[in-house]
Structure formats: structure tokens, C-alpha cells
Amino acid sequence: MENIRLDIKDMDEKHDAFVDLLKKIQVAPKEEFILLFKQMIVHTKEHFAFEETLMREKAYYALDEHIQEHENLLNEMEYFFQKAVKMPPFGYSYINEYAYDKFKRHIINIDSQLAMFLKEH
């Protein structure tokens, strides 16, 4: 797993923290898995709220699309968390096979546009 840089300090720090937490979850003992998964959801909500505040302050042109993407990612994460509580393999599958790819795609396709906008404004 690589840390993808946007050269926006606050965004990069939040992304780094997500990757660190994801790595921690991937090697966590079973008894810590659900707790760490929940922490990842809390972190993601805070991360997205930070970005959304920033976008509103800067009158970002793609605010609605970006927020919709945040909602989709968070809803999916919460769906797999709820499944993991009842059937842990669903959670492990999401964490080990999908979470990083979804995160990486979001940064490359969505956050990179925001970063370019912020650098220009």
C-alpha cells in the first residue's frame, strides 16, 4: 500500500492516517478487528467533513459531486461494517480486497481535482 500524495499538507496527512489505520486493521487480531473497523469509519467521517468544509469555504465547483462520492464510500463502508459484525468474513474481504482500491481511486479521480483547484485558489 502506497501513500498517494496530493501536495496539500492537510489532505495528505488525513490520507496517510487512513492508510496507517487500514494497515493496522489488516493485521489486527480478531478481537480488535471490529473496534478498528469502527475507528476507520469515524476517521473517514471526520476526514470527509474536513474536506467538505474546505470545499464550501473555497466555493469548489464540484462540491455536490464530491459530497455524493463521500456519501457513497461511507455508505459502503458502513454496510460492510454491519455485515462484519454478524459475519466477520464480509468485513475481512472488504478491508483486505476493496478498501484500499476504493480509497486510491477516490484520491486519483476525485481528490486530485480538488487539490488542483486548491492550488489555483
PDB file of N, CA and C in Angstrom:
ATOM      1  N   MET A   1       0.842  -1.181   0.000  1.00  0.00           N
ATOM      2  CA  MET A   1       0.000   0.000   0.000  1.00  0.00           C
ATOM      3  C   MET A   1       0.882   1.237   0.000  1.00  0.00           C
ATOM      4  N   GLU A   2       0.603   2.100  -0.918  1.00  0.00           N
ATOM      5  CA  GLU A   2       1.386   3.327  -1.013  1.00  0.00           C
ATOM      6  C   GLU A   2       0.571   4.500  -0.472  1.00  0.00           C
ATOM      7  N   ASN A   3       1.283   5.521  -0.028  1.00  0.00           N
ATOM      8  CA  ASN A   3       0.635   6.763   0.340  1.00  0.00           C
ATOM      9  C   ASN A   3       0.654   7.647  -0.903  1.00  0.00           C
ATOM     10  N   ILE A   4      -0.510   8.049  -1.338  1.00  0.00           N
ATOM     11  CA  ILE A   4      -0.630   8.851  -2.553  1.00  0.00           C
ATOM     12  C   ILE A   4      -0.598  10.318  -2.159  1.00  0.00           C
ATOM     13  N   ARG A   5       0.279  11.069  -2.766  1.00  0.00           N
ATOM     14  CA  ARG A   5       0.484  12.473  -2.398  1.00  0.00           C
ATOM     15  C   ARG A   5      -0.266  13.408  -3.331  1.00  0.00           C
ATOM     16  N   LEU A   6      -0.889  14.421  -2.738  1.00  0.00           N
ATOM     17  CA  LEU A   6      -1.547  15.482  -3.498  1.00  0.00           C
ATOM     18  C   LEU A   6      -0.831  16.818  -3.327  1.00  0.00           C
ATOM     19  N   ASP A   7       0.128  16.843  -2.441  1.00  0.00           N
ATOM     20  CA  ASP A   7       0.880  18.059  -2.112  1.00  0.00           C
ATOM     21  C   ASP A   7      -0.005  19.151  -1.516  1.00  0.00           C
ATOM     22  N   ILE A   8      -1.023  18.717  -0.795  1.00  0.00           N
ATOM     23  CA  ILE A   8      -1.842  19.587   0.058  1.00  0.00           C
ATOM     24  C   ILE A   8      -1.678  18.973   1.450  1.00  0.00           C
ATOM     25  N   LYS A   9      -0.916  19.651   2.310  1.00  0.00           N
ATOM     26  CA  LYS A   9      -0.481  19.076   3.587  1.00  0.00           C
ATOM     27  C   LYS A   9      -1.612  18.428   4.390  1.00  0.00           C
ATOM     28  N   ASP A  10      -2.686  19.162   4.630  1.00  0.00           N
ATOM     29  CA  ASP A  10      -3.770  18.635   5.469  1.00  0.00           C
ATOM     30  C   ASP A  10      -4.439  17.416   4.841  1.00  0.00           C
ATOM     31  N   MET A  11      -4.623  17.449   3.541  1.00  0.00           N
ATOM     32  CA  MET A  11      -5.242  16.298   2.868  1.00  0.00           C
ATOM     33  C   MET A  11      -4.304  15.090   2.907  1.00  0.00           C
ATOM     34  N   ASP A  12      -3.023  15.322   2.634  1.00  0.00           N
ATOM     35  CA  ASP A  12      -2.060  14.221   2.657  1.00  0.00           C
ATOM     36  C   ASP A  12      -1.970  13.590   4.045  1.00  0.00           C
ATOM     37  N   GLU A  13      -2.014  14.407   5.083  1.00  0.00           N
ATOM     38  CA  GLU A  13      -1.951  13.874   6.453  1.00  0.00           C
ATOM     39  C   GLU A  13      -3.166  12.997   6.757  1.00  0.00           C
ATOM     40  N   LYS A  14      -4.344  13.422   6.324  1.00  0.00           N
ATOM     41  CA  LYS A  14      -5.556  12.623   6.558  1.00  0.00           C
ATOM     42  C   LYS A  14      -5.503  11.321   5.762  1.00  0.00           C
ATOM     43  N   HIS A  15      -5.008  11.396   4.541  1.00  0.00           N
ATOM     44  CA  HIS A  15      -4.882  10.185   3.725  1.00  0.00           C
ATOM     45  C   HIS A  15      -3.856   9.226   4.326  1.00  0.00           C
ATOM     46  N   ASP A  16      -2.747   9.771   4.818  1.00  0.00           N
ATOM     47  CA  ASP A  16      -1.723   8.930   5.463  1.00  0.00           C
ATOM     48  C   ASP A  16      -2.303   8.230   6.686  1.00  0.00           C
ATOM     49  N   ALA A  17      -3.095   8.962   7.466  1.00  0.00           N
ATOM     50  CA  ALA A  17      -3.695   8.382   8.674  1.00  0.00           C
ATOM     51  C   ALA A  17      -4.655   7.250   8.298  1.00  0.00           C
ATOM     52  N   PHE A  18      -5.385   7.414   7.207  1.00  0.00           N
ATOM     53  CA  PHE A  18      -6.285   6.358   6.748  1.00  0.00           C
ATOM     54  C   PHE A  18      -5.493   5.111   6.370  1.00  0.00           C
ATOM     55  N   VAL A  19      -4.432   5.281   5.597  1.00  0.00           N
ATOM     56  CA  VAL A  19      -3.615   4.140   5.175  1.00  0.00           C
ATOM     57  C   VAL A  19      -3.006   3.445   6.390  1.00  0.00           C
ATOM     58  N   ASP A  20      -2.522   4.222   7.349  1.00  0.00           N
ATOM     59  CA  ASP A  20      -1.946   3.632   8.564  1.00  0.00           C
ATOM     60  C   ASP A  20      -2.989   2.811   9.321  1.00  0.00           C
ATOM     61  N   LEU A  21      -4.187   3.347   9.441  1.00  0.00           N
ATOM     62  CA  LEU A  21      -5.259   2.635  10.132  1.00  0.00           C
ATOM     63  C   LEU A  21      -5.664   1.374   9.368  1.00  0.00           C
ATOM     64  N   LEU A  22      -5.736   1.477   8.060  1.00  0.00           N
ATOM     65  CA  LEU A  22      -6.088   0.311   7.247  1.00  0.00           C
ATOM     66  C   LEU A  22      -5.042  -0.799   7.408  1.00  0.00           C
ATOM     67  N   LYS A  23      -3.778  -0.425   7.400  1.00  0.00           N
ATOM     68  CA  LYS A  23      -2.708  -1.412   7.603  1.00  0.00           C
ATOM     69  C   LYS A  23      -2.843  -2.083   8.974  1.00  0.00           C
ATOM     70  N   LYS A  24      -3.180  -1.290   9.968  1.00  0.00           N
ATOM     71  CA  LYS A  24      -3.355  -1.798  11.324  1.00  0.00           C
ATOM     72  C   LYS A  24      -4.521  -2.795  11.393  1.00  0.00           C
ATOM     73  N   ILE A  25      -5.610  -2.468  10.723  1.00  0.00           N
ATOM     74  CA  ILE A  25      -6.780  -3.352  10.710  1.00  0.00           C
ATOM     75  C   ILE A  25      -6.440  -4.670  10.023  1.00  0.00           C
ATOM     76  N   GLN A  26      -5.680  -4.601   8.952  1.00  0.00           N
ATOM     77  CA  GLN A  26      -5.366  -5.807   8.178  1.00  0.00           C
ATOM     78  C   GLN A  26      -4.581  -6.842   8.977  1.00  0.00           C
ATOM     79  N   VAL A  27      -3.847  -6.409   9.972  1.00  0.00           N
ATOM     80  CA  VAL A  27      -3.053  -7.360  10.770  1.00  0.00           C
ATOM     81  C   VAL A  27      -3.582  -7.516  12.196  1.00  0.00           C
ATOM     82  N   ALA A  28      -4.725  -6.895  12.459  1.00  0.00           N
ATOM     83  CA  ALA A  28      -5.282  -6.916  13.822  1.00  0.00           C
ATOM     84  C   ALA A  28      -5.776  -8.306  14.187  1.00  0.00           C
ATOM     85  N   PRO A  29      -5.603  -8.667  15.459  1.00  0.00           N
ATOM     86  CA  PRO A  29      -6.223  -9.912  15.925  1.00  0.00           C
ATOM     87  C   PRO A  29      -7.746  -9.791  15.828  1.00  0.00           C
ATOM     88  N   LYS A  30      -8.410 -10.926  15.725  1.00  0.00           N
ATOM     89  CA  LYS A  30      -9.873 -10.937  15.544  1.00  0.00           C
ATOM     90  C   LYS A  30     -10.607 -10.089  16.570  1.00  0.00           C
ATOM     91  N   GLU A  31     -10.150 -10.124  17.812  1.00  0.00           N
ATOM     92  CA  GLU A  31     -10.865  -9.398  18.871  1.00  0.00           C
ATOM     93  C   GLU A  31     -10.759  -7.876  18.723  1.00  0.00           C
ATOM     94  N   GLU A  32      -9.810  -7.384  17.940  1.00  0.00           N
ATOM     95  CA  GLU A  32      -9.658  -5.938  17.727  1.00  0.00           C
ATOM     96  C   GLU A  32     -10.223  -5.477  16.388  1.00  0.00           C
ATOM     97  N   PHE A  33     -10.521  -6.414  15.505  1.00  0.00           N
ATOM     98  CA  PHE A  33     -10.919  -6.078  14.139  1.00  0.00           C
ATOM     99  C   PHE A  33     -12.126  -5.138  14.079  1.00  0.00           C
ATOM    100  N   ILE A  34     -13.212  -5.488  14.756  1.00  0.00           N
ATOM    101  CA  ILE A  34     -14.437  -4.686  14.692  1.00  0.00           C
ATOM    102  C   ILE A  34     -14.202  -3.293  15.282  1.00  0.00           C
ATOM    103  N   LEU A  35     -13.491  -3.219  16.387  1.00  0.00           N
ATOM    104  CA  LEU A  35     -13.202  -1.918  17.005  1.00  0.00           C
ATOM    105  C   LEU A  35     -12.394  -1.031  16.049  1.00  0.00           C
ATOM    106  N   LEU A  36     -11.384  -1.593  15.424  1.00  0.00           N
ATOM    107  CA  LEU A  36     -10.565  -0.818  14.488  1.00  0.00           C
ATOM    108  C   LEU A  36     -11.358  -0.441  13.232  1.00  0.00           C
ATOM    109  N   PHE A  37     -12.197  -1.329  12.767  1.00  0.00           N
ATOM    110  CA  PHE A  37     -13.053  -1.034  11.615  1.00  0.00           C
ATOM    111  C   PHE A  37     -13.938   0.164  11.957  1.00  0.00           C
ATOM    112  N   LYS A  38     -14.508   0.164  13.152  1.00  0.00           N
ATOM    113  CA  LYS A  38     -15.350   1.281  13.601  1.00  0.00           C
ATOM    114  C   LYS A  38     -14.521   2.574  13.656  1.00  0.00           C
ATOM    115  N   GLN A  39     -13.276   2.484  14.144  1.00  0.00           N
ATOM    116  CA  GLN A  39     -12.398   3.658  14.175  1.00  0.00           C
ATOM    117  C   GLN A  39     -12.156   4.190  12.767  1.00  0.00           C
ATOM    118  N   MET A  40     -12.033   3.288  11.794  1.00  0.00           N
ATOM    119  CA  MET A  40     -11.823   3.713  10.421  1.00  0.00           C
ATOM    120  C   MET A  40     -13.039   4.487   9.908  1.00  0.00           C
ATOM    121  N   ILE A  41     -14.229   4.068  10.287  1.00  0.00           N
ATOM    122  CA  ILE A  41     -15.439   4.786   9.882  1.00  0.00           C
ATOM    123  C   ILE A  41     -15.462   6.176  10.515  1.00  0.00           C
ATOM    124  N   VAL A  42     -15.156   6.252  11.794  1.00  0.00           N
ATOM    125  CA  VAL A  42     -15.114   7.554  12.481  1.00  0.00           C
ATOM    126  C   VAL A  42     -14.073   8.464  11.821  1.00  0.00           C
ATOM    127  N   HIS A  43     -12.890   7.923  11.573  1.00  0.00           N
ATOM    128  CA  HIS A  43     -11.831   8.697  10.909  1.00  0.00           C
ATOM    129  C   HIS A  43     -12.317   9.194   9.544  1.00  0.00           C
ATOM    130  N   THR A  44     -12.962   8.316   8.791  1.00  0.00           N
ATOM    131  CA  THR A  44     -13.424   8.668   7.445  1.00  0.00           C
ATOM    132  C   THR A  44     -14.482   9.769   7.505  1.00  0.00           C
ATOM    133  N   LYS A  45     -15.387   9.692   8.463  1.00  0.00           N
ATOM    134  CA  LYS A  45     -16.401  10.746   8.614  1.00  0.00           C
ATOM    135  C   LYS A  45     -15.736  12.096   8.908  1.00  0.00           C
ATOM    136  N   GLU A  46     -14.748  12.097   9.798  1.00  0.00           N
ATOM    137  CA  GLU A  46     -14.037  13.331  10.137  1.00  0.00           C
ATOM    138  C   GLU A  46     -13.252  13.845   8.935  1.00  0.00           C
ATOM    139  N   HIS A  47     -12.610  12.954   8.237  1.00  0.00           N
ATOM    140  CA  HIS A  47     -11.829  13.285   7.039  1.00  0.00           C
ATOM    141  C   HIS A  47     -12.735  13.927   5.992  1.00  0.00           C
ATOM    142  N   PHE A  48     -13.874  13.300   5.716  1.00  0.00           N
ATOM    143  CA  PHE A  48     -14.786  13.834   4.718  1.00  0.00           C
ATOM    144  C   PHE A  48     -15.382  15.167   5.167  1.00  0.00           C
ATOM    145  N   ALA A  49     -15.707  15.304   6.429  1.00  0.00           N
ATOM    146  CA  ALA A  49     -16.242  16.572   6.942  1.00  0.00           C
ATOM    147  C   ALA A  49     -15.218  17.691   6.764  1.00  0.00           C
ATOM    148  N   PHE A  50     -13.951  17.390   7.024  1.00  0.00           N
ATOM    149  CA  PHE A  50     -12.883  18.370   6.821  1.00  0.00           C
ATOM    150  C   PHE A  50     -12.843  18.817   5.356  1.00  0.00           C
ATOM    151  N   GLU A  51     -12.838  17.858   4.442  1.00  0.00           N
ATOM    152  CA  GLU A  51     -12.781  18.202   3.015  1.00  0.00           C
ATOM    153  C   GLU A  51     -14.008  18.997   2.588  1.00  0.00           C
ATOM    154  N   GLU A  52     -15.168  18.611   3.076  1.00  0.00           N
ATOM    155  CA  GLU A  52     -16.395  19.287   2.685  1.00  0.00           C
ATOM    156  C   GLU A  52     -16.427  20.727   3.194  1.00  0.00           C
ATOM    157  N   THR A  53     -15.915  20.952   4.390  1.00  0.00           N
ATOM    158  CA  THR A  53     -15.806  22.323   4.918  1.00  0.00           C
ATOM    159  C   THR A  53     -14.865  23.141   4.040  1.00  0.00           C
ATOM    160  N   LEU A  54     -13.741  22.563   3.703  1.00  0.00           N
ATOM    161  CA  LEU A  54     -12.759  23.227   2.848  1.00  0.00           C
ATOM    162  C   LEU A  54     -13.374  23.569   1.488  1.00  0.00           C
ATOM    163  N   MET A  55     -14.099  22.637   0.910  1.00  0.00           N
ATOM    164  CA  MET A  55     -14.717  22.877  -0.398  1.00  0.00           C
ATOM    165  C   MET A  55     -15.755  23.998  -0.329  1.00  0.00           C
ATOM    166  N   ARG A  56     -16.517  24.036   0.757  1.00  0.00           N
ATOM    167  CA  ARG A  56     -17.522  25.101   0.911  1.00  0.00           C
ATOM    168  C   ARG A  56     -16.836  26.460   1.066  1.00  0.00           C
ATOM    169  N   GLU A  57     -15.788  26.503   1.886  1.00  0.00           N
ATOM    170  CA  GLU A  57     -15.060  27.760   2.118  1.00  0.00           C
ATOM    171  C   GLU A  57     -14.472  28.312   0.826  1.00  0.00           C
ATOM    172  N   LYS A  58     -14.012  27.427  -0.045  1.00  0.00           N
ATOM    173  CA  LYS A  58     -13.358  27.847  -1.288  1.00  0.00           C
ATOM    174  C   LYS A  58     -14.315  27.888  -2.474  1.00  0.00           C
ATOM    175  N   ALA A  59     -15.610  27.627  -2.231  1.00  0.00           N
ATOM    176  CA  ALA A  59     -16.627  27.608  -3.293  1.00  0.00           C
ATOM    177  C   ALA A  59     -16.203  26.680  -4.439  1.00  0.00           C
ATOM    178  N   TYR A  60     -15.875  25.455  -4.073  1.00  0.00           N
ATOM    179  CA  TYR A  60     -15.407  24.466  -5.040  1.00  0.00           C
ATOM    180  C   TYR A  60     -16.512  24.124  -6.031  1.00  0.00           C
ATOM    181  N   TYR A  61     -16.187  24.169  -7.304  1.00  0.00           N
ATOM    182  CA  TYR A  61     -17.172  23.990  -8.376  1.00  0.00           C
ATOM    183  C   TYR A  61     -17.820  22.599  -8.409  1.00  0.00           C
ATOM    184  N   ALA A  62     -17.135  21.567  -7.905  1.00  0.00           N
ATOM    185  CA  ALA A  62     -17.670  20.202  -7.955  1.00  0.00           C
ATOM    186  C   ALA A  62     -18.074  19.701  -6.568  1.00  0.00           C
ATOM    187  N   LEU A  63     -18.497  20.614  -5.729  1.00  0.00           N
ATOM    188  CA  LEU A  63     -18.852  20.288  -4.350  1.00  0.00           C
ATOM    189  C   LEU A  63     -19.891  19.166  -4.265  1.00  0.00           C
ATOM    190  N   ASP A  64     -20.994  19.306  -4.976  1.00  0.00           N
ATOM    191  CA  ASP A  64     -22.072  18.320  -4.874  1.00  0.00           C
ATOM    192  C   ASP A  64     -21.622  16.932  -5.322  1.00  0.00           C
ATOM    193  N   GLU A  65     -20.875  16.856  -6.402  1.00  0.00           N
ATOM    194  CA  GLU A  65     -20.383  15.565  -6.892  1.00  0.00           C
ATOM    195  C   GLU A  65     -19.428  14.929  -5.886  1.00  0.00           C
ATOM    196  N   HIS A  66     -18.563  15.751  -5.291  1.00  0.00           N
ATOM    197  CA  HIS A  66     -17.586  15.248  -4.333  1.00  0.00           C
ATOM    198  C   HIS A  66     -18.293  14.728  -3.081  1.00  0.00           C
ATOM    199  N   ILE A  67     -19.267  15.484  -2.609  1.00  0.00           N
ATOM    200  CA  ILE A  67     -20.031  15.055  -1.427  1.00  0.00           C
ATOM    201  C   ILE A  67     -20.772  13.749  -1.726  1.00  0.00           C
ATOM    202  N   GLN A  68     -21.338  13.632  -2.918  1.00  0.00           N
ATOM    203  CA  GLN A  68     -22.032  12.394  -3.293  1.00  0.00           C
ATOM    204  C   GLN A  68     -21.067  11.210  -3.264  1.00  0.00           C
ATOM    205  N   GLU A  69     -19.870  11.409  -3.749  1.00  0.00           N
ATOM    206  CA  GLU A  69     -18.852  10.354  -3.715  1.00  0.00           C
ATOM    207  C   GLU A  69     -18.518   9.981  -2.265  1.00  0.00           C
ATOM    208  N   HIS A  70     -18.384  10.981  -1.392  1.00  0.00           N
ATOM    209  CA  HIS A  70     -18.138  10.714   0.028  1.00  0.00           C
ATOM    210  C   HIS A  70     -19.266   9.867   0.610  1.00  0.00           C
ATOM    211  N   GLU A  71     -20.503  10.254   0.325  1.00  0.00           N
ATOM    212  CA  GLU A  71     -21.649   9.514   0.854  1.00  0.00           C
ATOM    213  C   GLU A  71     -21.645   8.067   0.361  1.00  0.00           C
ATOM    214  N   ASN A  72     -21.333   7.870  -0.906  1.00  0.00           N
ATOM    215  CA  ASN A  72     -21.296   6.515  -1.456  1.00  0.00           C
ATOM    216  C   ASN A  72     -20.229   5.664  -0.768  1.00  0.00           C
ATOM    217  N   LEU A  73     -19.042   6.219  -0.614  1.00  0.00           N
ATOM    218  CA  LEU A  73     -17.948   5.481   0.024  1.00  0.00           C
ATOM    219  C   LEU A  73     -18.274   5.154   1.480  1.00  0.00           C
ATOM    220  N   LEU A  74     -18.813   6.126   2.187  1.00  0.00           N
ATOM    221  CA  LEU A  74     -19.141   5.925   3.594  1.00  0.00           C
ATOM    222  C   LEU A  74     -20.285   4.924   3.759  1.00  0.00           C
ATOM    223  N   ASN A  75     -21.287   5.016   2.908  1.00  0.00           N
ATOM    224  CA  ASN A  75     -22.394   4.056   2.976  1.00  0.00           C
ATOM    225  C   ASN A  75     -21.894   2.636   2.736  1.00  0.00           C
ATOM    226  N   GLU A  76     -21.014   2.478   1.786  1.00  0.00           N
ATOM    227  CA  GLU A  76     -20.465   1.154   1.503  1.00  0.00           C
ATOM    228  C   GLU A  76     -19.650   0.642   2.693  1.00  0.00           C
ATOM    229  N   MET A  77     -18.841   1.517   3.265  1.00  0.00           N
ATOM    230  CA  MET A  77     -18.017   1.144   4.417  1.00  0.00           C
ATOM    231  C   MET A  77     -18.913   0.709   5.582  1.00  0.00           C
ATOM    232  N   GLU A  78     -19.961   1.478   5.843  1.00  0.00           N
ATOM    233  CA  GLU A  78     -20.867   1.155   6.945  1.00  0.00           C
ATOM    234  C   GLU A  78     -21.646  -0.131   6.660  1.00  0.00           C
ATOM    235  N   TYR A  79     -21.993  -0.373   5.401  1.00  0.00           N
ATOM    236  CA  TYR A  79     -22.673  -1.607   5.022  1.00  0.00           C
ATOM    237  C   TYR A  79     -21.788  -2.813   5.360  1.00  0.00           C
ATOM    238  N   PHE A  80     -20.530  -2.763   4.963  1.00  0.00           N
ATOM    239  CA  PHE A  80     -19.631  -3.883   5.232  1.00  0.00           C
ATOM    240  C   PHE A  80     -19.326  -4.016   6.724  1.00  0.00           C
ATOM    241  N   PHE A  81     -19.313  -2.893   7.432  1.00  0.00           N
ATOM    242  CA  PHE A  81     -19.120  -2.960   8.884  1.00  0.00           C
ATOM    243  C   PHE A  81     -20.282  -3.720   9.527  1.00  0.00           C
ATOM    244  N   GLN A  82     -21.513  -3.353   9.158  1.00  0.00           N
ATOM    245  CA  GLN A  82     -22.688  -4.032   9.720  1.00  0.00           C
ATOM    246  C   GLN A  82     -22.671  -5.524   9.391  1.00  0.00           C
ATOM    247  N   LYS A  83     -22.279  -5.859   8.177  1.00  0.00           N
ATOM    248  CA  LYS A  83     -22.159  -7.272   7.792  1.00  0.00           C
ATOM    249  C   LYS A  83     -21.066  -7.955   8.613  1.00  0.00           C
ATOM    250  N   ALA A  84     -19.959  -7.253   8.830  1.00  0.00           N
ATOM    251  CA  ALA A  84     -18.819  -7.825   9.555  1.00  0.00           C
ATOM    252  C   ALA A  84     -19.164  -8.136  11.006  1.00  0.00           C
ATOM    253  N   VAL A  85     -20.025  -7.330  11.598  1.00  0.00           N
ATOM    254  CA  VAL A  85     -20.436  -7.565  12.979  1.00  0.00           C
ATOM    255  C   VAL A  85     -21.105  -8.933  13.091  1.00  0.00           C
ATOM    256  N   LYS A  86     -21.912  -9.268  12.104  1.00  0.00           N
ATOM    257  CA  LYS A  86     -22.636 -10.545  12.113  1.00  0.00           C
ATOM    258  C   LYS A  86     -21.815 -11.680  11.501  1.00  0.00           C
ATOM    259  N   MET A  87     -21.074 -11.361  10.448  1.00  0.00           N
ATOM    260  CA  MET A  87     -20.289 -12.365   9.724  1.00  0.00           C
ATOM    261  C   MET A  87     -18.917 -11.768   9.379  1.00  0.00           C
ATOM    262  N   PRO A  88     -17.939 -11.920  10.262  1.00  0.00           N
ATOM    263  CA  PRO A  88     -16.636 -11.289  10.068  1.00  0.00           C
ATOM    264  C   PRO A  88     -15.984 -11.474   8.698  1.00  0.00           C
ATOM    265  N   PRO A  89     -16.154 -12.603   8.002  1.00  0.00           N
ATOM    266  CA  PRO A  89     -15.506 -12.718   6.686  1.00  0.00           C
ATOM    267  C   PRO A  89     -15.889 -11.609   5.697  1.00  0.00           C
ATOM    268  N   PHE A  90     -17.118 -11.081   5.801  1.00  0.00           N
ATOM    269  CA  PHE A  90     -17.514  -9.976   4.935  1.00  0.00           C
ATOM    270  C   PHE A  90     -16.633  -8.751   5.198  1.00  0.00           C
ATOM    271  N   GLY A  91     -16.380  -8.485   6.455  1.00  0.00           N
ATOM    272  CA  GLY A  91     -15.539  -7.345   6.820  1.00  0.00           C
ATOM    273  C   GLY A  91     -14.102  -7.537   6.388  1.00  0.00           C
ATOM    274  N   TYR A  92     -13.581  -8.749   6.596  1.00  0.00           N
ATOM    275  CA  TYR A  92     -12.205  -9.030   6.190  1.00  0.00           C
ATOM    276  C   TYR A  92     -12.051  -8.890   4.679  1.00  0.00           C
ATOM    277  N   SER A  93     -13.034  -9.363   3.945  1.00  0.00           N
ATOM    278  CA  SER A  93     -12.997  -9.265   2.488  1.00  0.00           C
ATOM    279  C   SER A  93     -12.947  -7.799   2.063  1.00  0.00           C
ATOM    280  N   TYR A  94     -13.803  -6.978   2.635  1.00  0.00           N
ATOM    281  CA  TYR A  94     -13.821  -5.553   2.297  1.00  0.00           C
ATOM    282  C   TYR A  94     -12.485  -4.907   2.643  1.00  0.00           C
ATOM    283  N   ILE A  95     -12.009  -5.120   3.852  1.00  0.00           N
ATOM    284  CA  ILE A  95     -10.763  -4.492   4.318  1.00  0.00           C
ATOM    285  C   ILE A  95      -9.570  -4.945   3.480  1.00  0.00           C
ATOM    286  N   ASN A  96      -9.479  -6.227   3.207  1.00  0.00           N
ATOM    287  CA  ASN A  96      -8.291  -6.755   2.538  1.00  0.00           C
ATOM    288  C   ASN A  96      -8.328  -6.675   1.017  1.00  0.00           C
ATOM    289  N   GLU A  97      -9.522  -6.611   0.439  1.00  0.00           N
ATOM    290  CA  GLU A  97      -9.600  -6.680  -1.017  1.00  0.00           C
ATOM    291  C   GLU A  97     -10.165  -5.436  -1.693  1.00  0.00           C
ATOM    292  N   TYR A  98     -10.889  -4.595  -0.949  1.00  0.00           N
ATOM    293  CA  TYR A  98     -11.555  -3.476  -1.602  1.00  0.00           C
ATOM    294  C   TYR A  98     -11.227  -2.098  -1.032  1.00  0.00           C
ATOM    295  N   ALA A  99     -11.068  -1.993   0.255  1.00  0.00           N
ATOM    296  CA  ALA A  99     -10.977  -0.675   0.901  1.00  0.00           C
ATOM    297  C   ALA A  99      -9.857   0.188   0.321  1.00  0.00           C
ATOM    298  N   TYR A 100      -8.663  -0.382   0.180  1.00  0.00           N
ATOM    299  CA  TYR A 100      -7.561   0.436  -0.326  1.00  0.00           C
ATOM    300  C   TYR A 100      -7.795   0.852  -1.779  1.00  0.00           C
ATOM    301  N   ASP A 101      -8.294  -0.069  -2.601  1.00  0.00           N
ATOM    302  CA  ASP A 101      -8.542   0.273  -4.006  1.00  0.00           C
ATOM    303  C   ASP A 101      -9.585   1.378  -4.130  1.00  0.00           C
ATOM    304  N   LYS A 102     -10.626   1.320  -3.313  1.00  0.00           N
ATOM    305  CA  LYS A 102     -11.652   2.376  -3.329  1.00  0.00           C
ATOM    306  C   LYS A 102     -11.033   3.716  -2.905  1.00  0.00           C
ATOM    307  N   PHE A 103     -10.221   3.662  -1.857  1.00  0.00           N
ATOM    308  CA  PHE A 103      -9.545   4.850  -1.338  1.00  0.00           C
ATOM    309  C   PHE A 103      -8.627   5.449  -2.413  1.00  0.00           C
ATOM    310  N   LYS A 104      -7.819   4.597  -3.017  1.00  0.00           N
ATOM    311  CA  LYS A 104      -6.864   5.051  -4.037  1.00  0.00           C
ATOM    312  C   LYS A 104      -7.599   5.672  -5.225  1.00  0.00           C
ATOM    313  N   ARG A 105      -8.650   5.011  -5.685  1.00  0.00           N
ATOM    314  CA  ARG A 105      -9.426   5.531  -6.814  1.00  0.00           C
ATOM    315  C   ARG A 105     -10.041   6.888  -6.474  1.00  0.00           C
ATOM    316  N   HIS A 106     -10.529   7.041  -5.239  1.00  0.00           N
ATOM    317  CA  HIS A 106     -11.113   8.315  -4.817  1.00  0.00           C
ATOM    318  C   HIS A 106     -10.065   9.427  -4.863  1.00  0.00           C
ATOM    319  N   ILE A 107      -8.885   9.153  -4.381  1.00  0.00           N
ATOM    320  CA  ILE A 107      -7.831  10.177  -4.393  1.00  0.00           C
ATOM    321  C   ILE A 107      -7.450  10.536  -5.830  1.00  0.00           C
ATOM    322  N   ILE A 108      -7.216   9.526  -6.645  1.00  0.00           N
ATOM    323  CA  ILE A 108      -6.766   9.777  -8.015  1.00  0.00           C
ATOM    324  C   ILE A 108      -7.838  10.465  -8.858  1.00  0.00           C
ATOM    325  N   ASN A 109      -9.078  10.026  -8.741  1.00  0.00           N
ATOM    326  CA  ASN A 109     -10.140  10.546  -9.613  1.00  0.00           C
ATOM    327  C   ASN A 109     -10.883  11.750  -9.060  1.00  0.00           C
ATOM    328  N   ILE A 110     -10.985  11.869  -7.748  1.00  0.00           N
ATOM    329  CA  ILE A 110     -11.829  12.906  -7.148  1.00  0.00           C
ATOM    330  C   ILE A 110     -10.992  13.939  -6.376  1.00  0.00           C
ATOM    331  N   ASP A 111     -10.216  13.470  -5.403  1.00  0.00           N
ATOM    332  CA  ASP A 111      -9.433  14.402  -4.580  1.00  0.00           C
ATOM    333  C   ASP A 111      -8.374  15.136  -5.389  1.00  0.00           C
ATOM    334  N   SER A 112      -7.847  14.526  -6.427  1.00  0.00           N
ATOM    335  CA  SER A 112      -6.812  15.196  -7.233  1.00  0.00           C
ATOM    336  C   SER A 112      -7.386  16.450  -7.899  1.00  0.00           C
ATOM    337  N   GLN A 113      -8.665  16.401  -8.306  1.00  0.00           N
ATOM    338  CA  GLN A 113      -9.306  17.585  -8.886  1.00  0.00           C
ATOM    339  C   GLN A 113      -9.430  18.695  -7.850  1.00  0.00           C
ATOM    340  N   LEU A 114      -9.807  18.309  -6.644  1.00  0.00           N
ATOM    341  CA  LEU A 114      -9.906  19.284  -5.558  1.00  0.00           C
ATOM    342  C   LEU A 114      -8.536  19.880  -5.261  1.00  0.00           C
ATOM    343  N   ALA A 115      -7.508  19.058  -5.227  1.00  0.00           N
ATOM    344  CA  ALA A 115      -6.155  19.544  -4.947  1.00  0.00           C
ATOM    345  C   ALA A 115      -5.703  20.558  -6.003  1.00  0.00           C
ATOM    346  N   MET A 116      -5.967  20.270  -7.264  1.00  0.00           N
ATOM    347  CA  MET A 116      -5.603  21.224  -8.330  1.00  0.00           C
ATOM    348  C   MET A 116      -6.342  22.541  -8.142  1.00  0.00           C
ATOM    349  N   PHE A 117      -7.622  22.452  -7.823  1.00  0.00           N
ATOM    350  CA  PHE A 117      -8.427  23.645  -7.584  1.00  0.00           C
ATOM    351  C   PHE A 117      -7.848  24.461  -6.417  1.00  0.00           C
ATOM    352  N   LEU A 118      -7.512  23.782  -5.316  1.00  0.00           N
ATOM    353  CA  LEU A 118      -6.990  24.469  -4.138  1.00  0.00           C
ATOM    354  C   LEU A 118      -5.651  25.145  -4.432  1.00  0.00           C
ATOM    355  N   LYS A 119      -4.812  24.512  -5.234  1.00  0.00           N
ATOM    356  CA  LYS A 119      -3.515  25.096  -5.587  1.00  0.00           C
ATOM    357  C   LYS A 119      -3.690  26.362  -6.429  1.00  0.00           C
ATOM    358  N   GLU A 120      -4.748  26.380  -7.230  1.00  0.00           N
ATOM    359  CA  GLU A 120      -5.007  27.545  -8.084  1.00  0.00           C
ATOM    360  C   GLU A 120      -5.698  28.681  -7.327  1.00  0.00           C
ATOM    361  N   HIS A 121      -6.365  28.337  -6.232  1.00  0.00           N
ATOM    362  CA  HIS A 121      -7.122  29.339  -5.468  1.00  0.00           C
ATOM    363  C   HIS A 121      -6.530  29.502  -4.102  1.00  0.00           C
TER     364      HIS A 121
END
